[in-house]
Amino acid sequence: MQIGPYTLDNNLIVAPMAGVTDRPFRQLCRKMGAGLAVSEMLSSNPKVWKTDKSLNRMDHMGETGIRSVQIAGADPDLMAEAAAFNEKNGAQIIDINMGCPAKK
């Protein structure tokens, strides 16, 4: 499977799940054969990026494989800023949340 310039090892993709798909879980999924493991959903609101929870979710240090980050928000300018910020922090693919069933 090809996503932009990135070729996945296979078409098995671990969906982004808040509170589940942290870096250790993504690495485990990759080790067990997933072609891609997407990060937990990150807010496009820069006011929350400095919280421990967000900093942990944005940590891709030492991560192997293609790094994909999901962002969520409604403001186009903040979404663009979040995409650029995450790319600068190691994201290779930006996934946009377009309908999470969470009650928030």
PDB file of N, CA and C in Angstrom:
ATOM      1  N   MET A   1       0.854  -1.171   0.000  1.00  0.00           N
ATOM      2  CA  MET A   1       0.000   0.000   0.000  1.00  0.00           C
ATOM      3  C   MET A   1       0.900   1.235   0.000  1.00  0.00           C
ATOM      4  N   GLN A   2       0.493   2.226  -0.739  1.00  0.00           N
ATOM      5  CA  GLN A   2       1.245   3.467  -0.881  1.00  0.00           C
ATOM      6  C   GLN A   2       0.408   4.639  -0.341  1.00  0.00           C
ATOM      7  N   ILE A   3       1.009   5.451   0.531  1.00  0.00           N
ATOM      8  CA  ILE A   3       0.385   6.682   1.009  1.00  0.00           C
ATOM      9  C   ILE A   3       1.375   7.790   0.696  1.00  0.00           C
ATOM     10  N   GLY A   4       1.069   8.595  -0.304  1.00  0.00           N
ATOM     11  CA  GLY A   4       2.021   9.615  -0.745  1.00  0.00           C
ATOM     12  C   GLY A   4       3.319   8.935  -1.135  1.00  0.00           C
ATOM     13  N   PRO A   5       4.447   9.418  -0.634  1.00  0.00           N
ATOM     14  CA  PRO A   5       5.729   8.809  -0.985  1.00  0.00           C
ATOM     15  C   PRO A   5       6.081   7.590  -0.127  1.00  0.00           C
ATOM     16  N   TYR A   6       5.208   7.213   0.808  1.00  0.00           N
ATOM     17  CA  TYR A   6       5.521   6.148   1.758  1.00  0.00           C
ATOM     18  C   TYR A   6       4.868   4.836   1.345  1.00  0.00           C
ATOM     19  N   THR A   7       5.669   3.779   1.347  1.00  0.00           N
ATOM     20  CA  THR A   7       5.174   2.455   1.016  1.00  0.00           C
ATOM     21  C   THR A   7       5.096   1.635   2.294  1.00  0.00           C
ATOM     22  N   LEU A   8       3.907   1.164   2.618  1.00  0.00           N
ATOM     23  CA  LEU A   8       3.710   0.340   3.802  1.00  0.00           C
ATOM     24  C   LEU A   8       4.142  -1.089   3.499  1.00  0.00           C
ATOM     25  N   ASP A   9       4.599  -1.791   4.519  1.00  0.00           N
ATOM     26  CA  ASP A   9       5.001  -3.184   4.350  1.00  0.00           C
ATOM     27  C   ASP A   9       3.812  -4.055   3.968  1.00  0.00           C
ATOM     28  N   ASN A  10       2.625  -3.686   4.426  1.00  0.00           N
ATOM     29  CA  ASN A  10       1.387  -4.414   4.119  1.00  0.00           C
ATOM     30  C   ASN A  10       0.216  -3.472   4.367  1.00  0.00           C
ATOM     31  N   ASN A  11      -1.009  -3.957   4.176  1.00  0.00           N
ATOM     32  CA  ASN A  11      -2.170  -3.077   4.326  1.00  0.00           C
ATOM     33  C   ASN A  11      -2.856  -3.210   5.693  1.00  0.00           C
ATOM     34  N   LEU A  12      -2.122  -3.690   6.701  1.00  0.00           N
ATOM     35  CA  LEU A  12      -2.662  -3.776   8.052  1.00  0.00           C
ATOM     36  C   LEU A  12      -2.349  -2.475   8.788  1.00  0.00           C
ATOM     37  N   ILE A  13      -3.403  -1.717   9.108  1.00  0.00           N
ATOM     38  CA  ILE A  13      -3.234  -0.405   9.735  1.00  0.00           C
ATOM     39  C   ILE A  13      -3.944  -0.387  11.080  1.00  0.00           C
ATOM     40  N   VAL A  14      -3.208   0.020  12.110  1.00  0.00           N
ATOM     41  CA  VAL A  14      -3.789   0.165  13.445  1.00  0.00           C
ATOM     42  C   VAL A  14      -4.378   1.566  13.523  1.00  0.00           C
ATOM     43  N   ALA A  15      -5.677   1.633  13.784  1.00  0.00           N
ATOM     44  CA  ALA A  15      -6.384   2.912  13.840  1.00  0.00           C
ATOM     45  C   ALA A  15      -5.957   3.714  15.070  1.00  0.00           C
ATOM     46  N   PRO A  16      -6.058   5.045  14.976  1.00  0.00           N
ATOM     47  CA  PRO A  16      -5.746   5.875  16.139  1.00  0.00           C
ATOM     48  C   PRO A  16      -6.832   5.717  17.199  1.00  0.00           C
ATOM     49  N   MET A  17      -6.406   5.435  18.434  1.00  0.00           N
ATOM     50  CA  MET A  17      -7.359   5.275  19.535  1.00  0.00           C
ATOM     51  C   MET A  17      -6.814   6.003  20.755  1.00  0.00           C
ATOM     52  N   ALA A  18      -7.522   7.055  21.176  1.00  0.00           N
ATOM     53  CA  ALA A  18      -7.083   7.846  22.333  1.00  0.00           C
ATOM     54  C   ALA A  18      -6.965   6.946  23.556  1.00  0.00           C
ATOM     55  N   GLY A  19      -5.853   7.066  24.247  1.00  0.00           N
ATOM     56  CA  GLY A  19      -5.631   6.264  25.440  1.00  0.00           C
ATOM     57  C   GLY A  19      -5.166   4.848  25.149  1.00  0.00           C
ATOM     58  N   VAL A  20      -4.985   4.503  23.884  1.00  0.00           N
ATOM     59  CA  VAL A  20      -4.579   3.141  23.518  1.00  0.00           C
ATOM     60  C   VAL A  20      -3.316   3.133  22.668  1.00  0.00           C
ATOM     61  N   THR A  21      -3.327   3.879  21.576  1.00  0.00           N
ATOM     62  CA  THR A  21      -2.229   3.777  20.613  1.00  0.00           C
ATOM     63  C   THR A  21      -1.060   4.709  20.953  1.00  0.00           C
ATOM     64  N   ASP A  22      -0.537   4.533  22.177  1.00  0.00           N
ATOM     65  CA  ASP A  22       0.657   5.285  22.562  1.00  0.00           C
ATOM     66  C   ASP A  22       1.874   4.668  21.877  1.00  0.00           C
ATOM     67  N   ARG A  23       3.027   5.279  22.047  1.00  0.00           N
ATOM     68  CA  ARG A  23       4.227   4.830  21.337  1.00  0.00           C
ATOM     69  C   ARG A  23       4.581   3.365  21.622  1.00  0.00           C
ATOM     70  N   PRO A  24       4.575   2.906  22.882  1.00  0.00           N
ATOM     71  CA  PRO A  24       4.892   1.490  23.113  1.00  0.00           C
ATOM     72  C   PRO A  24       3.902   0.542  22.417  1.00  0.00           C
ATOM     73  N   PHE A  25       2.618   0.899  22.432  1.00  0.00           N
ATOM     74  CA  PHE A  25       1.615   0.053  21.772  1.00  0.00           C
ATOM     75  C   PHE A  25       1.839   0.039  20.262  1.00  0.00           C
ATOM     76  N   ARG A  26       2.131   1.216  19.676  1.00  0.00           N
ATOM     77  CA  ARG A  26       2.377   1.280  18.229  1.00  0.00           C
ATOM     78  C   ARG A  26       3.584   0.426  17.862  1.00  0.00           C
ATOM     79  N   GLN A  27       4.650   0.512  18.679  1.00  0.00           N
ATOM     80  CA  GLN A  27       5.845  -0.282  18.405  1.00  0.00           C
ATOM     81  C   GLN A  27       5.544  -1.774  18.494  1.00  0.00           C
ATOM     82  N   LEU A  28       4.737  -2.169  19.475  1.00  0.00           N
ATOM     83  CA  LEU A  28       4.339  -3.572  19.602  1.00  0.00           C
ATOM     84  C   LEU A  28       3.552  -4.020  18.367  1.00  0.00           C
ATOM     85  N   CYS A  29       2.625  -3.181  17.927  1.00  0.00           N
ATOM     86  CA  CYS A  29       1.826  -3.520  16.739  1.00  0.00           C
ATOM     87  C   CYS A  29       2.712  -3.659  15.505  1.00  0.00           C
ATOM     88  N   ARG A  30       3.685  -2.767  15.354  1.00  0.00           N
ATOM     89  CA  ARG A  30       4.610  -2.856  14.221  1.00  0.00           C
ATOM     90  C   ARG A  30       5.423  -4.147  14.310  1.00  0.00           C
ATOM     91  N   LYS A  31       5.884  -4.469  15.524  1.00  0.00           N
ATOM     92  CA  LYS A  31       6.665  -5.696  15.718  1.00  0.00           C
ATOM     93  C   LYS A  31       5.835  -6.933  15.379  1.00  0.00           C
ATOM     94  N   MET A  32       4.540  -6.861  15.662  1.00  0.00           N
ATOM     95  CA  MET A  32       3.647  -8.003  15.409  1.00  0.00           C
ATOM     96  C   MET A  32       3.118  -8.026  13.971  1.00  0.00           C
ATOM     97  N   GLY A  33       3.544  -7.054  13.139  1.00  0.00           N
ATOM     98  CA  GLY A  33       3.224  -7.142  11.724  1.00  0.00           C
ATOM     99  C   GLY A  33       2.388  -6.040  11.118  1.00  0.00           C
ATOM    100  N   ALA A  34       1.977  -5.052  11.892  1.00  0.00           N
ATOM    101  CA  ALA A  34       1.183  -3.961  11.305  1.00  0.00           C
ATOM    102  C   ALA A  34       2.046  -3.149  10.339  1.00  0.00           C
ATOM    103  N   GLY A  35       1.472  -2.801   9.195  1.00  0.00           N
ATOM    104  CA  GLY A  35       2.178  -1.987   8.221  1.00  0.00           C
ATOM    105  C   GLY A  35       2.250  -0.527   8.640  1.00  0.00           C
ATOM    106  N   LEU A  36       1.293  -0.091   9.453  1.00  0.00           N
ATOM    107  CA  LEU A  36       1.244   1.287   9.941  1.00  0.00           C
ATOM    108  C   LEU A  36       0.452   1.308  11.237  1.00  0.00           C
ATOM    109  N   ALA A  37       0.913   2.090  12.198  1.00  0.00           N
ATOM    110  CA  ALA A  37       0.189   2.282  13.454  1.00  0.00           C
ATOM    111  C   ALA A  37       0.084   3.786  13.684  1.00  0.00           C
ATOM    112  N   VAL A  38      -1.135   4.307  13.638  1.00  0.00           N
ATOM    113  CA  VAL A  38      -1.378   5.746  13.741  1.00  0.00           C
ATOM    114  C   VAL A  38      -1.418   6.155  15.214  1.00  0.00           C
ATOM    115  N   SER A  39      -0.863   7.336  15.494  1.00  0.00           N
ATOM    116  CA  SER A  39      -0.815   7.833  16.872  1.00  0.00           C
ATOM    117  C   SER A  39      -2.213   8.106  17.417  1.00  0.00           C
ATOM    118  N   GLU A  40      -2.237   8.323  18.732  1.00  0.00           N
ATOM    119  CA  GLU A  40      -3.472   8.778  19.362  1.00  0.00           C
ATOM    120  C   GLU A  40      -3.855  10.135  18.767  1.00  0.00           C
ATOM    121  N   MET A  41      -5.140  10.454  18.803  1.00  0.00           N
ATOM    122  CA  MET A  41      -5.620  11.728  18.269  1.00  0.00           C
ATOM    123  C   MET A  41      -5.024  12.889  19.065  1.00  0.00           C
ATOM    124  N   LEU A  42      -4.536  13.889  18.339  1.00  0.00           N
ATOM    125  CA  LEU A  42      -3.984  15.096  18.939  1.00  0.00           C
ATOM    126  C   LEU A  42      -4.860  16.289  18.588  1.00  0.00           C
ATOM    127  N   SER A  43      -5.030  17.176  19.522  1.00  0.00           N
ATOM    128  CA  SER A  43      -5.830  18.375  19.293  1.00  0.00           C
ATOM    129  C   SER A  43      -5.074  19.362  18.412  1.00  0.00           C
ATOM    130  N   SER A  44      -5.821  20.096  17.619  1.00  0.00           N
ATOM    131  CA  SER A  44      -5.203  21.161  16.825  1.00  0.00           C
ATOM    132  C   SER A  44      -5.062  22.452  17.638  1.00  0.00           C
ATOM    133  N   ASN A  45      -5.537  22.437  18.877  1.00  0.00           N
ATOM    134  CA  ASN A  45      -5.480  23.605  19.749  1.00  0.00           C
ATOM    135  C   ASN A  45      -4.092  23.702  20.392  1.00  0.00           C
ATOM    136  N   PRO A  46      -3.270  24.684  20.009  1.00  0.00           N
ATOM    137  CA  PRO A  46      -1.913  24.778  20.548  1.00  0.00           C
ATOM    138  C   PRO A  46      -1.872  25.051  22.050  1.00  0.00           C
ATOM    139  N   LYS A  47      -2.980  25.484  22.644  1.00  0.00           N
ATOM    140  CA  LYS A  47      -3.010  25.750  24.084  1.00  0.00           C
ATOM    141  C   LYS A  47      -2.824  24.470  24.907  1.00  0.00           C
ATOM    142  N   VAL A  48      -3.133  23.308  24.330  1.00  0.00           N
ATOM    143  CA  VAL A  48      -3.015  22.050  25.083  1.00  0.00           C
ATOM    144  C   VAL A  48      -1.766  21.247  24.715  1.00  0.00           C
ATOM    145  N   TRP A  49      -0.958  21.735  23.800  1.00  0.00           N
ATOM    146  CA  TRP A  49       0.222  20.981  23.359  1.00  0.00           C
ATOM    147  C   TRP A  49       1.279  20.831  24.432  1.00  0.00           C
ATOM    148  N   LYS A  50       1.289  21.679  25.430  1.00  0.00           N
ATOM    149  CA  LYS A  50       2.339  21.641  26.452  1.00  0.00           C
ATOM    150  C   LYS A  50       1.942  20.805  27.676  1.00  0.00           C
ATOM    151  N   THR A  51       0.754  20.203  27.658  1.00  0.00           N
ATOM    152  CA  THR A  51       0.347  19.347  28.773  1.00  0.00           C
ATOM    153  C   THR A  51       1.131  18.038  28.710  1.00  0.00           C
ATOM    154  N   ASP A  52       1.274  17.384  29.854  1.00  0.00           N
ATOM    155  CA  ASP A  52       1.992  16.104  29.891  1.00  0.00           C
ATOM    156  C   ASP A  52       1.358  15.096  28.938  1.00  0.00           C
ATOM    157  N   LYS A  53       0.038  15.058  28.914  1.00  0.00           N
ATOM    158  CA  LYS A  53      -0.676  14.117  28.056  1.00  0.00           C
ATOM    159  C   LYS A  53      -0.342  14.358  26.582  1.00  0.00           C
ATOM    160  N   SER A  54      -0.395  15.599  26.142  1.00  0.00           N
ATOM    161  CA  SER A  54      -0.096  15.917  24.743  1.00  0.00           C
ATOM    162  C   SER A  54       1.375  15.687  24.415  1.00  0.00           C
ATOM    163  N   LEU A  55       2.267  16.098  25.313  1.00  0.00           N
ATOM    164  CA  LEU A  55       3.696  15.900  25.072  1.00  0.00           C
ATOM    165  C   LEU A  55       4.018  14.420  24.925  1.00  0.00           C
ATOM    166  N   ASN A  56       3.387  13.581  25.728  1.00  0.00           N
ATOM    167  CA  ASN A  56       3.583  12.144  25.626  1.00  0.00           C
ATOM    168  C   ASN A  56       3.060  11.612  24.287  1.00  0.00           C
ATOM    169  N   ARG A  57       1.905  12.110  23.854  1.00  0.00           N
ATOM    170  CA  ARG A  57       1.323  11.668  22.585  1.00  0.00           C
ATOM    171  C   ARG A  57       2.134  12.127  21.379  1.00  0.00           C
ATOM    172  N   MET A  58       2.853  13.225  21.525  1.00  0.00           N
ATOM    173  CA  MET A  58       3.634  13.766  20.410  1.00  0.00           C
ATOM    174  C   MET A  58       5.061  13.227  20.366  1.00  0.00           C
ATOM    175  N   ASP A  59       5.391  12.335  21.285  1.00  0.00           N
ATOM    176  CA  ASP A  59       6.748  11.798  21.365  1.00  0.00           C
ATOM    177  C   ASP A  59       6.916  10.632  20.388  1.00  0.00           C
ATOM    178  N   HIS A  60       7.779  10.820  19.398  1.00  0.00           N
ATOM    179  CA  HIS A  60       8.057   9.766  18.409  1.00  0.00           C
ATOM    180  C   HIS A  60       9.518   9.344  18.447  1.00  0.00           C
ATOM    181  N   MET A  61      10.238   9.747  19.507  1.00  0.00           N
ATOM    182  CA  MET A  61      11.661   9.451  19.617  1.00  0.00           C
ATOM    183  C   MET A  61      11.906   7.939  19.597  1.00  0.00           C
ATOM    184  N   GLY A  62      12.766   7.511  18.707  1.00  0.00           N
ATOM    185  CA  GLY A  62      13.128   6.101  18.612  1.00  0.00           C
ATOM    186  C   GLY A  62      12.090   5.220  17.941  1.00  0.00           C
ATOM    187  N   GLU A  63      11.026   5.808  17.467  1.00  0.00           N
ATOM    188  CA  GLU A  63       9.963   5.031  16.842  1.00  0.00           C
ATOM    189  C   GLU A  63      10.394   4.559  15.455  1.00  0.00           C
ATOM    190  N   THR A  64      10.160   3.292  15.181  1.00  0.00           N
ATOM    191  CA  THR A  64      10.507   2.743  13.873  1.00  0.00           C
ATOM    192  C   THR A  64       9.297   2.773  12.955  1.00  0.00           C
ATOM    193  N   GLY A  65       9.546   2.632  11.689  1.00  0.00           N
ATOM    194  CA  GLY A  65       8.457   2.604  10.720  1.00  0.00           C
ATOM    195  C   GLY A  65       7.978   3.998  10.368  1.00  0.00           C
ATOM    196  N   ILE A  66       6.941   4.044   9.599  1.00  0.00           N
ATOM    197  CA  ILE A  66       6.358   5.310   9.157  1.00  0.00           C
ATOM    198  C   ILE A  66       5.567   5.904  10.321  1.00  0.00           C
ATOM    199  N   ARG A  67       5.787   7.182  10.582  1.00  0.00           N
ATOM    200  CA  ARG A  67       5.122   7.847  11.696  1.00  0.00           C
ATOM    201  C   ARG A  67       3.920   8.638  11.197  1.00  0.00           C
ATOM    202  N   SER A  68       2.732   8.206  11.643  1.00  0.00           N
ATOM    203  CA  SER A  68       1.489   8.847  11.248  1.00  0.00           C
ATOM    204  C   SER A  68       0.795   9.406  12.490  1.00  0.00           C
ATOM    205  N   VAL A  69       0.339  10.649  12.392  1.00  0.00           N
ATOM    206  CA  VAL A  69      -0.303  11.343  13.504  1.00  0.00           C
ATOM    207  C   VAL A  69      -1.700  11.772  13.082  1.00  0.00           C
ATOM    208  N   GLN A  70      -2.677  11.543  13.971  1.00  0.00           N
ATOM    209  CA  GLN A  70      -4.031  12.024  13.693  1.00  0.00           C
ATOM    210  C   GLN A  70      -4.258  13.321  14.465  1.00  0.00           C
ATOM    211  N   ILE A  71      -4.789  14.323  13.761  1.00  0.00           N
ATOM    212  CA  ILE A  71      -5.136  15.588  14.411  1.00  0.00           C
ATOM    213  C   ILE A  71      -6.636  15.817  14.286  1.00  0.00           C
ATOM    214  N   ALA A  72      -7.182  16.544  15.247  1.00  0.00           N
ATOM    215  CA  ALA A  72      -8.615  16.843  15.243  1.00  0.00           C
ATOM    216  C   ALA A  72      -8.819  18.313  15.544  1.00  0.00           C
ATOM    217  N   GLY A  73      -9.827  18.890  14.936  1.00  0.00           N
ATOM    218  CA  GLY A  73     -10.158  20.289  15.166  1.00  0.00           C
ATOM    219  C   GLY A  73     -11.123  20.779  14.117  1.00  0.00           C
ATOM    220  N   ALA A  74     -11.515  22.036  14.229  1.00  0.00           N
ATOM    221  CA  ALA A  74     -12.481  22.602  13.293  1.00  0.00           C
ATOM    222  C   ALA A  74     -11.971  23.865  12.608  1.00  0.00           C
ATOM    223  N   ASP A  75     -10.939  24.485  13.161  1.00  0.00           N
ATOM    224  CA  ASP A  75     -10.421  25.733  12.599  1.00  0.00           C
ATOM    225  C   ASP A  75      -9.323  25.414  11.589  1.00  0.00           C
ATOM    226  N   PRO A  76      -9.516  25.775  10.310  1.00  0.00           N
ATOM    227  CA  PRO A  76      -8.523  25.446   9.277  1.00  0.00           C
ATOM    228  C   PRO A  76      -7.116  25.971   9.570  1.00  0.00           C
ATOM    229  N   ASP A  77      -7.010  27.167  10.140  1.00  0.00           N
ATOM    230  CA  ASP A  77      -5.694  27.721  10.447  1.00  0.00           C
ATOM    231  C   ASP A  77      -4.995  26.921  11.544  1.00  0.00           C
ATOM    232  N   LEU A  78      -5.756  26.541  12.580  1.00  0.00           N
ATOM    233  CA  LEU A  78      -5.173  25.740  13.654  1.00  0.00           C
ATOM    234  C   LEU A  78      -4.821  24.340  13.166  1.00  0.00           C
ATOM    235  N   MET A  79      -5.633  23.791  12.274  1.00  0.00           N
ATOM    236  CA  MET A  79      -5.327  22.457  11.715  1.00  0.00           C
ATOM    237  C   MET A  79      -4.021  22.517  10.923  1.00  0.00           C
ATOM    238  N   ALA A  80      -3.844  23.566  10.132  1.00  0.00           N
ATOM    239  CA  ALA A  80      -2.607  23.722   9.355  1.00  0.00           C
ATOM    240  C   ALA A  80      -1.412  23.883  10.288  1.00  0.00           C
ATOM    241  N   GLU A  81      -1.586  24.671  11.354  1.00  0.00           N
ATOM    242  CA  GLU A  81      -0.516  24.868  12.328  1.00  0.00           C
ATOM    243  C   GLU A  81      -0.165  23.547  13.019  1.00  0.00           C
ATOM    244  N   ALA A  82      -1.196  22.775  13.376  1.00  0.00           N
ATOM    245  CA  ALA A  82      -0.970  21.480  14.034  1.00  0.00           C
ATOM    246  C   ALA A  82      -0.265  20.504  13.097  1.00  0.00           C
ATOM    247  N   ALA A  83      -0.642  20.511  11.839  1.00  0.00           N
ATOM    248  CA  ALA A  83       0.012  19.627  10.865  1.00  0.00           C
ATOM    249  C   ALA A  83       1.491  19.979  10.741  1.00  0.00           C
ATOM    250  N   ALA A  84       1.795  21.262  10.608  1.00  0.00           N
ATOM    251  CA  ALA A  84       3.193  21.706  10.483  1.00  0.00           C
ATOM    252  C   ALA A  84       3.977  21.386  11.758  1.00  0.00           C
ATOM    253  N   PHE A  85       3.369  21.609  12.913  1.00  0.00           N
ATOM    254  CA  PHE A  85       4.026  21.332  14.192  1.00  0.00           C
ATOM    255  C   PHE A  85       4.363  19.853  14.314  1.00  0.00           C
ATOM    256  N   ASN A  86       3.403  18.991  13.973  1.00  0.00           N
ATOM    257  CA  ASN A  86       3.629  17.551  14.086  1.00  0.00           C
ATOM    258  C   ASN A  86       4.636  17.055  13.052  1.00  0.00           C
ATOM    259  N   GLU A  87       4.632  17.639  11.875  1.00  0.00           N
ATOM    260  CA  GLU A  87       5.636  17.270  10.879  1.00  0.00           C
ATOM    261  C   GLU A  87       7.030  17.618  11.403  1.00  0.00           C
ATOM    262  N   LYS A  88       7.154  18.784  12.011  1.00  0.00           N
ATOM    263  CA  LYS A  88       8.435  19.219  12.576  1.00  0.00           C
ATOM    264  C   LYS A  88       8.897  18.275  13.689  1.00  0.00           C
ATOM    265  N   ASN A  89       7.927  17.630  14.369  1.00  0.00           N
ATOM    266  CA  ASN A  89       8.244  16.708  15.465  1.00  0.00           C
ATOM    267  C   ASN A  89       8.280  15.247  15.031  1.00  0.00           C
ATOM    268  N   GLY A  90       8.405  15.001  13.728  1.00  0.00           N
ATOM    269  CA  GLY A  90       8.637  13.631  13.263  1.00  0.00           C
ATOM    270  C   GLY A  90       7.517  12.955  12.518  1.00  0.00           C
ATOM    271  N   ALA A  91       6.340  13.567  12.442  1.00  0.00           N
ATOM    272  CA  ALA A  91       5.244  12.932  11.705  1.00  0.00           C
ATOM    273  C   ALA A  91       5.548  12.946  10.207  1.00  0.00           C
ATOM    274  N   GLN A  92       5.324  11.816   9.569  1.00  0.00           N
ATOM    275  CA  GLN A  92       5.501  11.726   8.122  1.00  0.00           C
ATOM    276  C   GLN A  92       4.151  11.762   7.402  1.00  0.00           C
ATOM    277  N   ILE A  93       3.123  11.295   8.083  1.00  0.00           N
ATOM    278  CA  ILE A  93       1.762  11.301   7.532  1.00  0.00           C
ATOM    279  C   ILE A  93       0.862  12.001   8.540  1.00  0.00           C
ATOM    280  N   ILE A  94       0.019  12.902   8.064  1.00  0.00           N
ATOM    281  CA  ILE A  94      -0.975  13.569   8.911  1.00  0.00           C
ATOM    282  C   ILE A  94      -2.343  13.018   8.535  1.00  0.00           C
ATOM    283  N   ASP A  95      -3.006  12.425   9.515  1.00  0.00           N
ATOM    284  CA  ASP A  95      -4.347  11.872   9.359  1.00  0.00           C
ATOM    285  C   ASP A  95      -5.306  12.869  10.003  1.00  0.00           C
ATOM    286  N   ILE A  96      -6.355  13.244   9.304  1.00  0.00           N
ATOM    287  CA  ILE A  96      -7.315  14.211   9.853  1.00  0.00           C
ATOM    288  C   ILE A  96      -8.553  13.479  10.348  1.00  0.00           C
ATOM    289  N   ASN A  97      -8.855  13.662  11.636  1.00  0.00           N
ATOM    290  CA  ASN A  97     -10.051  13.060  12.216  1.00  0.00           C
ATOM    291  C   ASN A  97     -11.269  13.776  11.629  1.00  0.00           C
ATOM    292  N   MET A  98     -12.126  13.011  10.986  1.00  0.00           N
ATOM    293  CA  MET A  98     -13.282  13.621  10.323  1.00  0.00           C
ATOM    294  C   MET A  98     -14.604  13.016  10.794  1.00  0.00           C
ATOM    295  N   GLY A  99     -14.658  12.580  12.039  1.00  0.00           N
ATOM    296  CA  GLY A  99     -15.918  12.060  12.528  1.00  0.00           C
ATOM    297  C   GLY A  99     -15.764  11.064  13.639  1.00  0.00           C
ATOM    298  N   CYS A 100     -14.977  11.381  14.637  1.00  0.00           N
ATOM    299  CA  CYS A 100     -14.778  10.497  15.789  1.00  0.00           C
ATOM    300  C   CYS A 100     -16.110  10.314  16.526  1.00  0.00           C
ATOM    301  N   PRO A 101     -16.436   9.087  16.901  1.00  0.00           N
ATOM    302  CA  PRO A 101     -17.700   8.870  17.607  1.00  0.00           C
ATOM    303  C   PRO A 101     -17.676   9.269  19.075  1.00  0.00           C
ATOM    304  N   ALA A 102     -16.545   9.783  19.572  1.00  0.00           N
ATOM    305  CA  ALA A 102     -16.467  10.205  20.971  1.00  0.00           C
ATOM    306  C   ALA A 102     -17.512  11.282  21.249  1.00  0.00           C
ATOM    307  N   LYS A 103     -18.106  11.246  22.426  1.00  0.00           N
ATOM    308  CA  LYS A 103     -19.196  12.176  22.746  1.00  0.00           C
ATOM    309  C   LYS A 103     -18.738  13.613  22.884  1.00  0.00           C
ATOM    310  N   LYS A 104     -17.412  13.855  23.001  1.00  0.00           N
ATOM    311  CA  LYS A 104     -16.898  15.220  23.061  1.00  0.00           C
ATOM    312  C   LYS A 104     -17.252  15.920  21.788  1.00  0.00           C
TER     313      LYS A 104
END
